[in-house]
Amino acid sequence: MTNKTFRFGPIALTTTLTTNLLNPPAASGGVNGGSSGQYIILSRVNVVNKTGSAATFSLWLGATGANAAGTEVIGQGQSVGANTYFPWSGRLRLDVADFLVGGSNTATALSIEGEGEIGVSG
């Protein structure tokens, strides 16, 4: 079985730094019992600034609605210039219990979108 490509967003970032932005779906039930959960391999993220002023964003990887110390993952207080974007690329795996969480210092100045692969664990 092979992974499928997917994209998420765009999502407007708010000043709530604990906003859940991305989480792989869980799977259960069905004929013959439970199914395996899914995972995401995030490969690209763009944070776009649509305004004439710089704004910052921060992203964490952890529990739902949490941004605990030590779970910082992309752009802690990362500045995005006016009318430009911040590109990130890599390979970041999110399992069913993992949430990409974050926000901005300015309400709705920034939006986030990205792409990767989604697959079935197990």
PDB file of N, CA and C in Angstrom:
ATOM      1  N   MET A   1       0.846  -1.177   0.000  1.00  0.00           N
ATOM      2  CA  MET A   1       0.000   0.000   0.000  1.00  0.00           C
ATOM      3  C   MET A   1       0.895   1.244   0.000  1.00  0.00           C
ATOM      4  N   THR A   2       0.536   2.246  -0.742  1.00  0.00           N
ATOM      5  CA  THR A   2       1.350   3.446  -0.822  1.00  0.00           C
ATOM      6  C   THR A   2       0.643   4.628  -0.184  1.00  0.00           C
ATOM      7  N   ASN A   3       1.445   5.602   0.213  1.00  0.00           N
ATOM      8  CA  ASN A   3       0.894   6.835   0.764  1.00  0.00           C
ATOM      9  C   ASN A   3       0.224   7.641  -0.335  1.00  0.00           C
ATOM     10  N   LYS A   4      -0.685   8.502   0.067  1.00  0.00           N
ATOM     11  CA  LYS A   4      -1.371   9.413  -0.845  1.00  0.00           C
ATOM     12  C   LYS A   4      -0.923  10.838  -0.538  1.00  0.00           C
ATOM     13  N   THR A   5      -0.766  11.643  -1.565  1.00  0.00           N
ATOM     14  CA  THR A   5      -0.431  13.042  -1.336  1.00  0.00           C
ATOM     15  C   THR A   5      -1.680  13.783  -0.859  1.00  0.00           C
ATOM     16  N   PHE A   6      -1.467  14.842  -0.091  1.00  0.00           N
ATOM     17  CA  PHE A   6      -2.575  15.664   0.392  1.00  0.00           C
ATOM     18  C   PHE A   6      -2.056  17.087   0.589  1.00  0.00           C
ATOM     19  N   ARG A   7      -2.991  17.994   0.745  1.00  0.00           N
ATOM     20  CA  ARG A   7      -2.648  19.363   1.128  1.00  0.00           C
ATOM     21  C   ARG A   7      -3.597  19.805   2.230  1.00  0.00           C
ATOM     22  N   PHE A   8      -3.158  20.761   3.005  1.00  0.00           N
ATOM     23  CA  PHE A   8      -4.045  21.344   4.010  1.00  0.00           C
ATOM     24  C   PHE A   8      -3.990  22.860   3.886  1.00  0.00           C
ATOM     25  N   GLY A   9      -5.062  23.494   4.369  1.00  0.00           N
ATOM     26  CA  GLY A   9      -5.137  24.937   4.331  1.00  0.00           C
ATOM     27  C   GLY A   9      -5.557  25.449   2.969  1.00  0.00           C
ATOM     28  N   PRO A  10      -5.537  26.751   2.832  1.00  0.00           N
ATOM     29  CA  PRO A  10      -5.008  27.723   3.774  1.00  0.00           C
ATOM     30  C   PRO A  10      -5.925  27.936   4.986  1.00  0.00           C
ATOM     31  N   ILE A  11      -5.263  28.198   6.108  1.00  0.00           N
ATOM     32  CA  ILE A  11      -5.938  28.472   7.375  1.00  0.00           C
ATOM     33  C   ILE A  11      -5.404  29.801   7.892  1.00  0.00           C
ATOM     34  N   ALA A  12      -6.283  30.725   8.245  1.00  0.00           N
ATOM     35  CA  ALA A  12      -5.862  31.998   8.836  1.00  0.00           C
ATOM     36  C   ALA A  12      -5.362  31.742  10.257  1.00  0.00           C
ATOM     37  N   LEU A  13      -4.164  32.217  10.561  1.00  0.00           N
ATOM     38  CA  LEU A  13      -3.633  32.083  11.919  1.00  0.00           C
ATOM     39  C   LEU A  13      -4.190  33.197  12.792  1.00  0.00           C
ATOM     40  N   THR A  14      -4.602  32.844  13.992  1.00  0.00           N
ATOM     41  CA  THR A  14      -5.125  33.826  14.941  1.00  0.00           C
ATOM     42  C   THR A  14      -4.106  34.038  16.051  1.00  0.00           C
ATOM     43  N   THR A  15      -4.447  34.891  16.992  1.00  0.00           N
ATOM     44  CA  THR A  15      -3.556  35.159  18.118  1.00  0.00           C
ATOM     45  C   THR A  15      -3.653  34.086  19.201  1.00  0.00           C
ATOM     46  N   THR A  16      -4.483  33.080  19.003  1.00  0.00           N
ATOM     47  CA  THR A  16      -4.550  31.949  19.930  1.00  0.00           C
ATOM     48  C   THR A  16      -3.457  30.965  19.546  1.00  0.00           C
ATOM     49  N   LEU A  17      -2.384  30.918  20.333  1.00  0.00           N
ATOM     50  CA  LEU A  17      -1.215  30.106  20.006  1.00  0.00           C
ATOM     51  C   LEU A  17      -1.417  28.620  20.252  1.00  0.00           C
ATOM     52  N   THR A  18      -2.594  28.237  20.718  1.00  0.00           N
ATOM     53  CA  THR A  18      -2.900  26.818  20.966  1.00  0.00           C
ATOM     54  C   THR A  18      -3.939  26.274  19.984  1.00  0.00           C
ATOM     55  N   THR A  19      -4.078  26.899  18.839  1.00  0.00           N
ATOM     56  CA  THR A  19      -5.038  26.455  17.827  1.00  0.00           C
ATOM     57  C   THR A  19      -4.546  25.182  17.149  1.00  0.00           C
ATOM     58  N   ASN A  20      -5.393  24.154  17.115  1.00  0.00           N
ATOM     59  CA  ASN A  20      -5.068  22.928  16.379  1.00  0.00           C
ATOM     60  C   ASN A  20      -5.140  23.228  14.889  1.00  0.00           C
ATOM     61  N   LEU A  21      -4.029  22.984  14.176  1.00  0.00           N
ATOM     62  CA  LEU A  21      -3.957  23.267  12.750  1.00  0.00           C
ATOM     63  C   LEU A  21      -3.987  22.018  11.886  1.00  0.00           C
ATOM     64  N   LEU A  22      -3.423  20.907  12.388  1.00  0.00           N
ATOM     65  CA  LEU A  22      -3.347  19.687  11.589  1.00  0.00           C
ATOM     66  C   LEU A  22      -3.192  18.496  12.516  1.00  0.00           C
ATOM     67  N   ASN A  23      -3.912  17.404  12.194  1.00  0.00           N
ATOM     68  CA  ASN A  23      -3.859  16.158  12.963  1.00  0.00           C
ATOM     69  C   ASN A  23      -4.323  15.024  12.066  1.00  0.00           C
ATOM     70  N   PRO A  24      -3.578  13.912  12.033  1.00  0.00           N
ATOM     71  CA  PRO A  24      -4.016  12.786  11.210  1.00  0.00           C
ATOM     72  C   PRO A  24      -5.301  12.166  11.750  1.00  0.00           C
ATOM     73  N   PRO A  25      -6.138  11.637  10.870  1.00  0.00           N
ATOM     74  CA  PRO A  25      -7.375  11.009  11.323  1.00  0.00           C
ATOM     75  C   PRO A  25      -7.114   9.671  12.008  1.00  0.00           C
ATOM     76  N   ALA A  26      -7.930   9.376  12.993  1.00  0.00           N
ATOM     77  CA  ALA A  26      -7.936   8.058  13.621  1.00  0.00           C
ATOM     78  C   ALA A  26      -8.902   7.183  12.835  1.00  0.00           C
ATOM     79  N   ALA A  27      -8.733   5.900  12.917  1.00  0.00           N
ATOM     80  CA  ALA A  27      -9.650   4.976  12.246  1.00  0.00           C
ATOM     81  C   ALA A  27     -10.035   3.883  13.228  1.00  0.00           C
ATOM     82  N   SER A  28     -11.265   3.449  13.168  1.00  0.00           N
ATOM     83  CA  SER A  28     -11.709   2.371  14.045  1.00  0.00           C
ATOM     84  C   SER A  28     -12.966   1.735  13.474  1.00  0.00           C
ATOM     85  N   GLY A  29     -13.343   0.620  14.056  1.00  0.00           N
ATOM     86  CA  GLY A  29     -14.580  -0.044  13.664  1.00  0.00           C
ATOM     87  C   GLY A  29     -14.468  -0.756  12.338  1.00  0.00           C
ATOM     88  N   GLY A  30     -15.582  -0.915  11.677  1.00  0.00           N
ATOM     89  CA  GLY A  30     -15.618  -1.602  10.394  1.00  0.00           C
ATOM     90  C   GLY A  30     -15.757  -3.103  10.561  1.00  0.00           C
ATOM     91  N   VAL A  31     -15.900  -3.783   9.475  1.00  0.00           N
ATOM     92  CA  VAL A  31     -16.011  -5.234   9.473  1.00  0.00           C
ATOM     93  C   VAL A  31     -14.687  -5.822   9.968  1.00  0.00           C
ATOM     94  N   ASN A  32     -14.742  -6.854  10.761  1.00  0.00           N
ATOM     95  CA  ASN A  32     -13.572  -7.541  11.310  1.00  0.00           C
ATOM     96  C   ASN A  32     -12.771  -6.713  12.308  1.00  0.00           C
ATOM     97  N   GLY A  33     -13.372  -5.763  12.948  1.00  0.00           N
ATOM     98  CA  GLY A  33     -12.684  -5.046  14.024  1.00  0.00           C
ATOM     99  C   GLY A  33     -11.964  -3.799  13.575  1.00  0.00           C
ATOM    100  N   GLY A  34     -11.191  -3.269  14.496  1.00  0.00           N
ATOM    101  CA  GLY A  34     -10.559  -1.962  14.329  1.00  0.00           C
ATOM    102  C   GLY A  34      -9.570  -1.860  13.192  1.00  0.00           C
ATOM    103  N   SER A  35      -9.481  -0.679  12.657  1.00  0.00           N
ATOM    104  CA  SER A  35      -8.522  -0.350  11.613  1.00  0.00           C
ATOM    105  C   SER A  35      -7.361   0.400  12.232  1.00  0.00           C
ATOM    106  N   SER A  36      -6.242   0.416  11.543  1.00  0.00           N
ATOM    107  CA  SER A  36      -5.096   1.178  12.009  1.00  0.00           C
ATOM    108  C   SER A  36      -5.359   2.668  11.847  1.00  0.00           C
ATOM    109  N   GLY A  37      -4.752   3.464  12.738  1.00  0.00           N
ATOM    110  CA  GLY A  37      -4.808   4.909  12.603  1.00  0.00           C
ATOM    111  C   GLY A  37      -3.967   5.347  11.417  1.00  0.00           C
ATOM    112  N   GLN A  38      -4.042   6.612  11.091  1.00  0.00           N
ATOM    113  CA  GLN A  38      -3.291   7.138   9.968  1.00  0.00           C
ATOM    114  C   GLN A  38      -2.157   8.034  10.452  1.00  0.00           C
ATOM    115  N   TYR A  39      -1.236   8.351   9.571  1.00  0.00           N
ATOM    116  CA  TYR A  39      -0.145   9.258   9.883  1.00  0.00           C
ATOM    117  C   TYR A  39       0.052  10.207   8.710  1.00  0.00           C
ATOM    118  N   ILE A  40       0.695  11.326   8.993  1.00  0.00           N
ATOM    119  CA  ILE A  40       1.009  12.323   7.979  1.00  0.00           C
ATOM    120  C   ILE A  40       2.518  12.521   7.969  1.00  0.00           C
ATOM    121  N   ILE A  41       3.078  12.610   6.782  1.00  0.00           N
ATOM    122  CA  ILE A  41       4.467  13.051   6.636  1.00  0.00           C
ATOM    123  C   ILE A  41       4.394  14.410   5.967  1.00  0.00           C
ATOM    124  N   LEU A  42       4.599  15.443   6.768  1.00  0.00           N
ATOM    125  CA  LEU A  42       4.526  16.814   6.283  1.00  0.00           C
ATOM    126  C   LEU A  42       5.841  17.154   5.584  1.00  0.00           C
ATOM    127  N   SER A  43       5.765  17.643   4.362  1.00  0.00           N
ATOM    128  CA  SER A  43       6.990  17.924   3.609  1.00  0.00           C
ATOM    129  C   SER A  43       7.161  19.398   3.239  1.00  0.00           C
ATOM    130  N   ARG A  44       6.085  20.166   3.256  1.00  0.00           N
ATOM    131  CA  ARG A  44       6.187  21.576   2.893  1.00  0.00           C
ATOM    132  C   ARG A  44       5.130  22.387   3.617  1.00  0.00           C
ATOM    133  N   VAL A  45       5.537  23.543   4.129  1.00  0.00           N
ATOM    134  CA  VAL A  45       4.623  24.487   4.767  1.00  0.00           C
ATOM    135  C   VAL A  45       4.993  25.884   4.280  1.00  0.00           C
ATOM    136  N   ASN A  46       4.004  26.673   3.923  1.00  0.00           N
ATOM    137  CA  ASN A  46       4.195  28.093   3.626  1.00  0.00           C
ATOM    138  C   ASN A  46       3.327  28.893   4.579  1.00  0.00           C
ATOM    139  N   VAL A  47       3.904  29.921   5.166  1.00  0.00           N
ATOM    140  CA  VAL A  47       3.146  30.876   5.964  1.00  0.00           C
ATOM    141  C   VAL A  47       3.190  32.193   5.203  1.00  0.00           C
ATOM    142  N   VAL A  48       2.021  32.659   4.784  1.00  0.00           N
ATOM    143  CA  VAL A  48       1.894  33.811   3.886  1.00  0.00           C
ATOM    144  C   VAL A  48       1.390  35.022   4.662  1.00  0.00           C
ATOM    145  N   ASN A  49       2.053  36.157   4.448  1.00  0.00           N
ATOM    146  CA  ASN A  49       1.633  37.415   5.055  1.00  0.00           C
ATOM    147  C   ASN A  49       0.944  38.263   3.990  1.00  0.00           C
ATOM    148  N   LYS A  50      -0.338  38.543   4.199  1.00  0.00           N
ATOM    149  CA  LYS A  50      -1.118  39.310   3.213  1.00  0.00           C
ATOM    150  C   LYS A  50      -1.169  40.800   3.526  1.00  0.00           C
ATOM    151  N   THR A  51      -0.451  41.215   4.564  1.00  0.00           N
ATOM    152  CA  THR A  51      -0.549  42.612   5.005  1.00  0.00           C
ATOM    153  C   THR A  51       0.715  43.402   4.664  1.00  0.00           C
ATOM    154  N   GLY A  52       0.657  44.705   4.914  1.00  0.00           N
ATOM    155  CA  GLY A  52       1.774  45.596   4.668  1.00  0.00           C
ATOM    156  C   GLY A  52       2.718  45.741   5.847  1.00  0.00           C
ATOM    157  N   SER A  53       2.562  44.896   6.872  1.00  0.00           N
ATOM    158  CA  SER A  53       3.437  44.928   8.048  1.00  0.00           C
ATOM    159  C   SER A  53       3.916  43.520   8.362  1.00  0.00           C
ATOM    160  N   ALA A  54       5.116  43.424   8.919  1.00  0.00           N
ATOM    161  CA  ALA A  54       5.640  42.123   9.327  1.00  0.00           C
ATOM    162  C   ALA A  54       4.775  41.543  10.449  1.00  0.00           C
ATOM    163  N   ALA A  55       4.708  40.225  10.512  1.00  0.00           N
ATOM    164  CA  ALA A  55       3.991  39.519  11.580  1.00  0.00           C
ATOM    165  C   ALA A  55       4.795  38.269  11.924  1.00  0.00           C
ATOM    166  N   THR A  56       4.570  37.714  13.107  1.00  0.00           N
ATOM    167  CA  THR A  56       5.305  36.525  13.527  1.00  0.00           C
ATOM    168  C   THR A  56       4.357  35.358  13.761  1.00  0.00           C
ATOM    169  N   PHE A  57       4.925  34.138  13.680  1.00  0.00           N
ATOM    170  CA  PHE A  57       4.153  32.933  13.971  1.00  0.00           C
ATOM    171  C   PHE A  57       5.022  31.956  14.731  1.00  0.00           C
ATOM    172  N   SER A  58       4.365  30.997  15.380  1.00  0.00           N
ATOM    173  CA  SER A  58       5.028  29.921  16.112  1.00  0.00           C
ATOM    174  C   SER A  58       4.202  28.658  15.955  1.00  0.00           C
ATOM    175  N   LEU A  59       4.888  27.503  15.783  1.00  0.00           N
ATOM    176  CA  LEU A  59       4.226  26.203  15.653  1.00  0.00           C
ATOM    177  C   LEU A  59       4.847  25.203  16.623  1.00  0.00           C
ATOM    178  N   TRP A  60       4.000  24.364  17.199  1.00  0.00           N
ATOM    179  CA  TRP A  60       4.414  23.312  18.114  1.00  0.00           C
ATOM    180  C   TRP A  60       3.886  21.978  17.617  1.00  0.00           C
ATOM    181  N   LEU A  61       4.499  20.892  18.061  1.00  0.00           N
ATOM    182  CA  LEU A  61       4.037  19.536  17.768  1.00  0.00           C
ATOM    183  C   LEU A  61       3.822  18.841  19.100  1.00  0.00           C
ATOM    184  N   GLY A  62       2.575  18.478  19.380  1.00  0.00           N
ATOM    185  CA  GLY A  62       2.301  17.850  20.662  1.00  0.00           C
ATOM    186  C   GLY A  62       0.847  17.505  20.821  1.00  0.00           C
ATOM    187  N   ALA A  63       0.372  17.658  22.026  1.00  0.00           N
ATOM    188  CA  ALA A  63      -1.007  17.309  22.361  1.00  0.00           C
ATOM    189  C   ALA A  63      -1.982  18.350  21.814  1.00  0.00           C
ATOM    190  N   THR A  64      -3.246  17.970  21.730  1.00  0.00           N
ATOM    191  CA  THR A  64      -4.275  18.872  21.242  1.00  0.00           C
ATOM    192  C   THR A  64      -4.333  20.147  22.089  1.00  0.00           C
ATOM    193  N   GLY A  65      -4.343  21.285  21.423  1.00  0.00           N
ATOM    194  CA  GLY A  65      -4.470  22.567  22.098  1.00  0.00           C
ATOM    195  C   GLY A  65      -3.335  22.898  23.046  1.00  0.00           C
ATOM    196  N   ALA A  66      -2.146  22.348  22.840  1.00  0.00           N
ATOM    197  CA  ALA A  66      -1.031  22.564  23.775  1.00  0.00           C
ATOM    198  C   ALA A  66       0.183  23.104  23.031  1.00  0.00           C
ATOM    199  N   ASN A  67       0.937  23.936  23.734  1.00  0.00           N
ATOM    200  CA  ASN A  67       2.203  24.434  23.195  1.00  0.00           C
ATOM    201  C   ASN A  67       3.245  24.434  24.308  1.00  0.00           C
ATOM    202  N   ALA A  68       3.502  23.262  24.842  1.00  0.00           N
ATOM    203  CA  ALA A  68       4.413  23.100  25.976  1.00  0.00           C
ATOM    204  C   ALA A  68       5.857  23.348  25.571  1.00  0.00           C
ATOM    205  N   ALA A  69       6.634  23.847  26.518  1.00  0.00           N
ATOM    206  CA  ALA A  69       8.069  24.041  26.301  1.00  0.00           C
ATOM    207  C   ALA A  69       8.696  22.724  25.875  1.00  0.00           C
ATOM    208  N   GLY A  70       9.567  22.798  24.898  1.00  0.00           N
ATOM    209  CA  GLY A  70      10.232  21.610  24.386  1.00  0.00           C
ATOM    210  C   GLY A  70       9.534  20.963  23.212  1.00  0.00           C
ATOM    211  N   THR A  71       8.356  21.472  22.828  1.00  0.00           N
ATOM    212  CA  THR A  71       7.637  20.906  21.675  1.00  0.00           C
ATOM    213  C   THR A  71       7.616  21.864  20.486  1.00  0.00           C
ATOM    214  N   GLU A  72       8.429  22.920  20.568  1.00  0.00           N
ATOM    215  CA  GLU A  72       8.533  23.870  19.460  1.00  0.00           C
ATOM    216  C   GLU A  72       9.044  23.124  18.242  1.00  0.00           C
ATOM    217  N   VAL A  73       8.476  23.411  17.056  1.00  0.00           N
ATOM    218  CA  VAL A  73       8.876  22.645  15.882  1.00  0.00           C
ATOM    219  C   VAL A  73       9.224  23.506  14.673  1.00  0.00           C
ATOM    220  N   ILE A  74       8.481  24.540  14.383  1.00  0.00           N
ATOM    221  CA  ILE A  74       8.759  25.399  13.229  1.00  0.00           C
ATOM    222  C   ILE A  74       8.488  26.849  13.631  1.00  0.00           C
ATOM    223  N   GLY A  75       9.432  27.728  13.381  1.00  0.00           N
ATOM    224  CA  GLY A  75       9.221  29.172  13.461  1.00  0.00           C
ATOM    225  C   GLY A  75       8.808  29.735  14.791  1.00  0.00           C
ATOM    226  N   GLN A  76       9.579  29.604  15.818  1.00  0.00           N
ATOM    227  CA  GLN A  76       9.243  30.229  17.090  1.00  0.00           C
ATOM    228  C   GLN A  76       9.473  31.730  17.026  1.00  0.00           C
ATOM    229  N   GLY A  77       8.372  32.481  16.985  1.00  0.00           N
ATOM    230  CA  GLY A  77       8.465  33.930  16.829  1.00  0.00           C
ATOM    231  C   GLY A  77       9.066  34.322  15.483  1.00  0.00           C
ATOM    232  N   GLN A  78       8.906  33.454  14.497  1.00  0.00           N
ATOM    233  CA  GLN A  78       9.476  33.676  13.162  1.00  0.00           C
ATOM    234  C   GLN A  78       8.776  34.846  12.479  1.00  0.00           C
ATOM    235  N   SER A  79       9.537  35.826  12.073  1.00  0.00           N
ATOM    236  CA  SER A  79       8.977  36.982  11.392  1.00  0.00           C
ATOM    237  C   SER A  79       8.760  36.687   9.908  1.00  0.00           C
ATOM    238  N   VAL A  80       7.601  37.102   9.412  1.00  0.00           N
ATOM    239  CA  VAL A  80       7.274  36.997   7.989  1.00  0.00           C
ATOM    240  C   VAL A  80       7.076  38.423   7.501  1.00  0.00           C
ATOM    241  N   GLY A  81       7.908  38.849   6.574  1.00  0.00           N
ATOM    242  CA  GLY A  81       7.866  40.221   6.074  1.00  0.00           C
ATOM    243  C   GLY A  81       6.554  40.578   5.412  1.00  0.00           C
ATOM    244  N   ALA A  82       6.327  41.861   5.279  1.00  0.00           N
ATOM    245  CA  ALA A  82       5.114  42.375   4.640  1.00  0.00           C
ATOM    246  C   ALA A  82       4.980  41.815   3.229  1.00  0.00           C
ATOM    247  N   ASN A  83       3.791  41.342   2.906  1.00  0.00           N
ATOM    248  CA  ASN A  83       3.461  40.861   1.557  1.00  0.00           C
ATOM    249  C   ASN A  83       4.450  39.828   1.023  1.00  0.00           C
ATOM    250  N   THR A  84       4.877  38.922   1.883  1.00  0.00           N
ATOM    251  CA  THR A  84       5.793  37.861   1.488  1.00  0.00           C
ATOM    252  C   THR A  84       5.403  36.574   2.205  1.00  0.00           C
ATOM    253  N   TYR A  85       6.282  35.573   2.180  1.00  0.00           N
ATOM    254  CA  TYR A  85       5.960  34.307   2.831  1.00  0.00           C
ATOM    255  C   TYR A  85       7.210  33.676   3.419  1.00  0.00           C
ATOM    256  N   PHE A  86       6.989  32.752   4.357  1.00  0.00           N
ATOM    257  CA  PHE A  86       8.058  31.962   4.958  1.00  0.00           C
ATOM    258  C   PHE A  86       7.889  30.527   4.476  1.00  0.00           C
ATOM    259  N   PRO A  87       8.882  29.975   3.756  1.00  0.00           N
ATOM    260  CA  PRO A  87       8.788  28.586   3.303  1.00  0.00           C
ATOM    261  C   PRO A  87       9.516  27.647   4.252  1.00  0.00           C
ATOM    262  N   TRP A  88       8.919  26.506   4.540  1.00  0.00           N
ATOM    263  CA  TRP A  88       9.576  25.440   5.300  1.00  0.00           C
ATOM    264  C   TRP A  88       9.462  24.164   4.485  1.00  0.00           C
ATOM    265  N   SER A  89      10.547  23.399   4.453  1.00  0.00           N
ATOM    266  CA  SER A  89      10.483  22.078   3.841  1.00  0.00           C
ATOM    267  C   SER A  89      11.292  21.118   4.685  1.00  0.00           C
ATOM    268  N   GLY A  90      10.885  19.872   4.685  1.00  0.00           N
ATOM    269  CA  GLY A  90      11.538  18.841   5.477  1.00  0.00           C
ATOM    270  C   GLY A  90      10.696  17.578   5.450  1.00  0.00           C
ATOM    271  N   ARG A  91      10.822  16.776   6.487  1.00  0.00           N
ATOM    272  CA  ARG A  91       9.998  15.574   6.642  1.00  0.00           C
ATOM    273  C   ARG A  91       9.644  15.468   8.119  1.00  0.00           C
ATOM    274  N   LEU A  92       8.414  15.793   8.439  1.00  0.00           N
ATOM    275  CA  LEU A  92       7.931  15.785   9.813  1.00  0.00           C
ATOM    276  C   LEU A  92       6.746  14.835   9.900  1.00  0.00           C
ATOM    277  N   ARG A  93       6.895  13.761  10.685  1.00  0.00           N
ATOM    278  CA  ARG A  93       5.821  12.769  10.817  1.00  0.00           C
ATOM    279  C   ARG A  93       4.900  13.144  11.972  1.00  0.00           C
ATOM    280  N   LEU A  94       3.599  13.068  11.712  1.00  0.00           N
ATOM    281  CA  LEU A  94       2.575  13.258  12.726  1.00  0.00           C
ATOM    282  C   LEU A  94       1.769  11.971  12.814  1.00  0.00           C
ATOM    283  N   ASP A  95       1.716  11.384  13.998  1.00  0.00           N
ATOM    284  CA  ASP A  95       0.872  10.221  14.242  1.00  0.00           C
ATOM    285  C   ASP A  95      -0.457  10.684  14.827  1.00  0.00           C
ATOM    286  N   VAL A  96      -1.367   9.740  15.060  1.00  0.00           N
ATOM    287  CA  VAL A  96      -2.731  10.066  15.480  1.00  0.00           C
ATOM    288  C   VAL A  96      -2.772  10.968  16.716  1.00  0.00           C
ATOM    289  N   ALA A  97      -1.854  10.796  17.649  1.00  0.00           N
ATOM    290  CA  ALA A  97      -1.862  11.598  18.872  1.00  0.00           C
ATOM    291  C   ALA A  97      -1.130  12.930  18.716  1.00  0.00           C
ATOM    292  N   ASP A  98      -0.570  13.189  17.539  1.00  0.00           N
ATOM    293  CA  ASP A  98       0.205  14.414  17.315  1.00  0.00           C
ATOM    294  C   ASP A  98      -0.645  15.499  16.662  1.00  0.00           C
ATOM    295  N   PHE A  99      -0.505  16.706  17.178  1.00  0.00           N
ATOM    296  CA  PHE A  99      -1.205  17.868  16.632  1.00  0.00           C
ATOM    297  C   PHE A  99      -0.185  18.938  16.288  1.00  0.00           C
ATOM    298  N   LEU A 100      -0.304  19.529  15.105  1.00  0.00           N
ATOM    299  CA  LEU A 100       0.437  20.731  14.764  1.00  0.00           C
ATOM    300  C   LEU A 100      -0.404  21.882  15.283  1.00  0.00           C
ATOM    301  N   VAL A 101       0.159  22.639  16.211  1.00  0.00           N
ATOM    302  CA  VAL A 101      -0.566  23.674  16.946  1.00  0.00           C
ATOM    303  C   VAL A 101       0.172  24.991  16.769  1.00  0.00           C
ATOM    304  N   GLY A 102      -0.554  26.095  16.675  1.00  0.00           N
ATOM    305  CA  GLY A 102       0.150  27.366  16.598  1.00  0.00           C
ATOM    306  C   GLY A 102      -0.739  28.557  16.360  1.00  0.00           C
ATOM    307  N   GLY A 103      -0.072  29.692  16.111  1.00  0.00           N
ATOM    308  CA  GLY A 103      -0.768  30.937  15.888  1.00  0.00           C
ATOM    309  C   GLY A 103       0.211  32.042  15.558  1.00  0.00           C
ATOM    310  N   SER A 104      -0.300  33.270  15.582  1.00  0.00           N
ATOM    311  CA  SER A 104       0.454  34.447  15.164  1.00  0.00           C
ATOM    312  C   SER A 104       0.329  35.545  16.210  1.00  0.00           C
ATOM    313  N   ASN A 105       1.206  36.545  16.097  1.00  0.00           N
ATOM    314  CA  ASN A 105       1.080  37.694  16.997  1.00  0.00           C
ATOM    315  C   ASN A 105       0.042  38.696  16.494  1.00  0.00           C
ATOM    316  N   THR A 106      -0.457  38.493  15.292  1.00  0.00           N
ATOM    317  CA  THR A 106      -1.416  39.417  14.673  1.00  0.00           C
ATOM    318  C   THR A 106      -2.577  38.618  14.101  1.00  0.00           C
ATOM    319  N   ALA A 107      -3.780  38.941  14.506  1.00  0.00           N
ATOM    320  CA  ALA A 107      -4.958  38.185  14.072  1.00  0.00           C
ATOM    321  C   ALA A 107      -5.151  38.257  12.565  1.00  0.00           C
ATOM    322  N   THR A 108      -5.187  37.127  11.933  1.00  0.00           N
ATOM    323  CA  THR A 108      -5.502  36.888  10.515  1.00  0.00           C
ATOM    324  C   THR A 108      -4.595  37.600   9.503  1.00  0.00           C
ATOM    325  N   ALA A 109      -3.422  38.095   9.911  1.00  0.00           N
ATOM    326  CA  ALA A 109      -2.467  38.655   8.937  1.00  0.00           C
ATOM    327  C   ALA A 109      -1.782  37.531   8.182  1.00  0.00           C
ATOM    328  N   LEU A 110      -1.603  36.385   8.835  1.00  0.00           N
ATOM    329  CA  LEU A 110      -0.889  35.257   8.255  1.00  0.00           C
ATOM    330  C   LEU A 110      -1.834  34.099   7.981  1.00  0.00           C
ATOM    331  N   SER A 111      -1.546  33.379   6.904  1.00  0.00           N
ATOM    332  CA  SER A 111      -2.254  32.122   6.658  1.00  0.00           C
ATOM    333  C   SER A 111      -1.210  31.040   6.427  1.00  0.00           C
ATOM    334  N   ILE A 112      -1.597  29.806   6.749  1.00  0.00           N
ATOM    335  CA  ILE A 112      -0.697  28.667   6.623  1.00  0.00           C
ATOM    336  C   ILE A 112      -1.312  27.652   5.675  1.00  0.00           C
ATOM    337  N   GLU A 113      -0.459  27.052   4.853  1.00  0.00           N
ATOM    338  CA  GLU A 113      -0.895  25.968   3.980  1.00  0.00           C
ATOM    339  C   GLU A 113       0.301  25.071   3.759  1.00  0.00           C
ATOM    340  N   GLY A 114       0.026  23.822   3.403  1.00  0.00           N
ATOM    341  CA  GLY A 114       1.135  22.896   3.191  1.00  0.00           C
ATOM    342  C   GLY A 114       0.697  21.643   2.493  1.00  0.00           C
ATOM    343  N   GLU A 115       1.662  20.734   2.339  1.00  0.00           N
ATOM    344  CA  GLU A 115       1.372  19.471   1.684  1.00  0.00           C
ATOM    345  C   GLU A 115       2.301  18.395   2.212  1.00  0.00           C
ATOM    346  N   GLY A 116       1.935  17.163   1.918  1.00  0.00           N
ATOM    347  CA  GLY A 116       2.715  16.024   2.348  1.00  0.00           C
ATOM    348  C   GLY A 116       2.069  14.740   1.879  1.00  0.00           C
ATOM    349  N   GLU A 117       2.270  13.703   2.666  1.00  0.00           N
ATOM    350  CA  GLU A 117       1.711  12.380   2.369  1.00  0.00           C
ATOM    351  C   GLU A 117       0.915  11.910   3.573  1.00  0.00           C
ATOM    352  N   ILE A 118      -0.112  11.096   3.296  1.00  0.00           N
ATOM    353  CA  ILE A 118      -0.873  10.490   4.373  1.00  0.00           C
ATOM    354  C   ILE A 118      -0.893   8.981   4.124  1.00  0.00           C
ATOM    355  N   GLY A 119      -0.726   8.222   5.197  1.00  0.00           N
ATOM    356  CA  GLY A 119      -0.689   6.772   5.081  1.00  0.00           C
ATOM    357  C   GLY A 119      -1.353   6.112   6.272  1.00  0.00           C
ATOM    358  N   VAL A 120      -1.430   4.798   6.229  1.00  0.00           N
ATOM    359  CA  VAL A 120      -2.067   4.011   7.289  1.00  0.00           C
ATOM    360  C   VAL A 120      -0.987   3.341   8.126  1.00  0.00           C
ATOM    361  N   SER A 121      -1.035   3.538   9.444  1.00  0.00           N
ATOM    362  CA  SER A 121      -0.085   2.890  10.358  1.00  0.00           C
ATOM    363  C   SER A 121      -0.386   1.411  10.422  1.00  0.00           C
ATOM    364  N   GLY A 122       0.589   0.668  10.873  1.00  0.00           N
ATOM    365  CA  GLY A 122       0.345  -0.747  11.126  1.00  0.00           C
ATOM    366  C   GLY A 122       0.838  -1.588  10.068  1.00  0.00           C
TER     367      GLY A 122
END
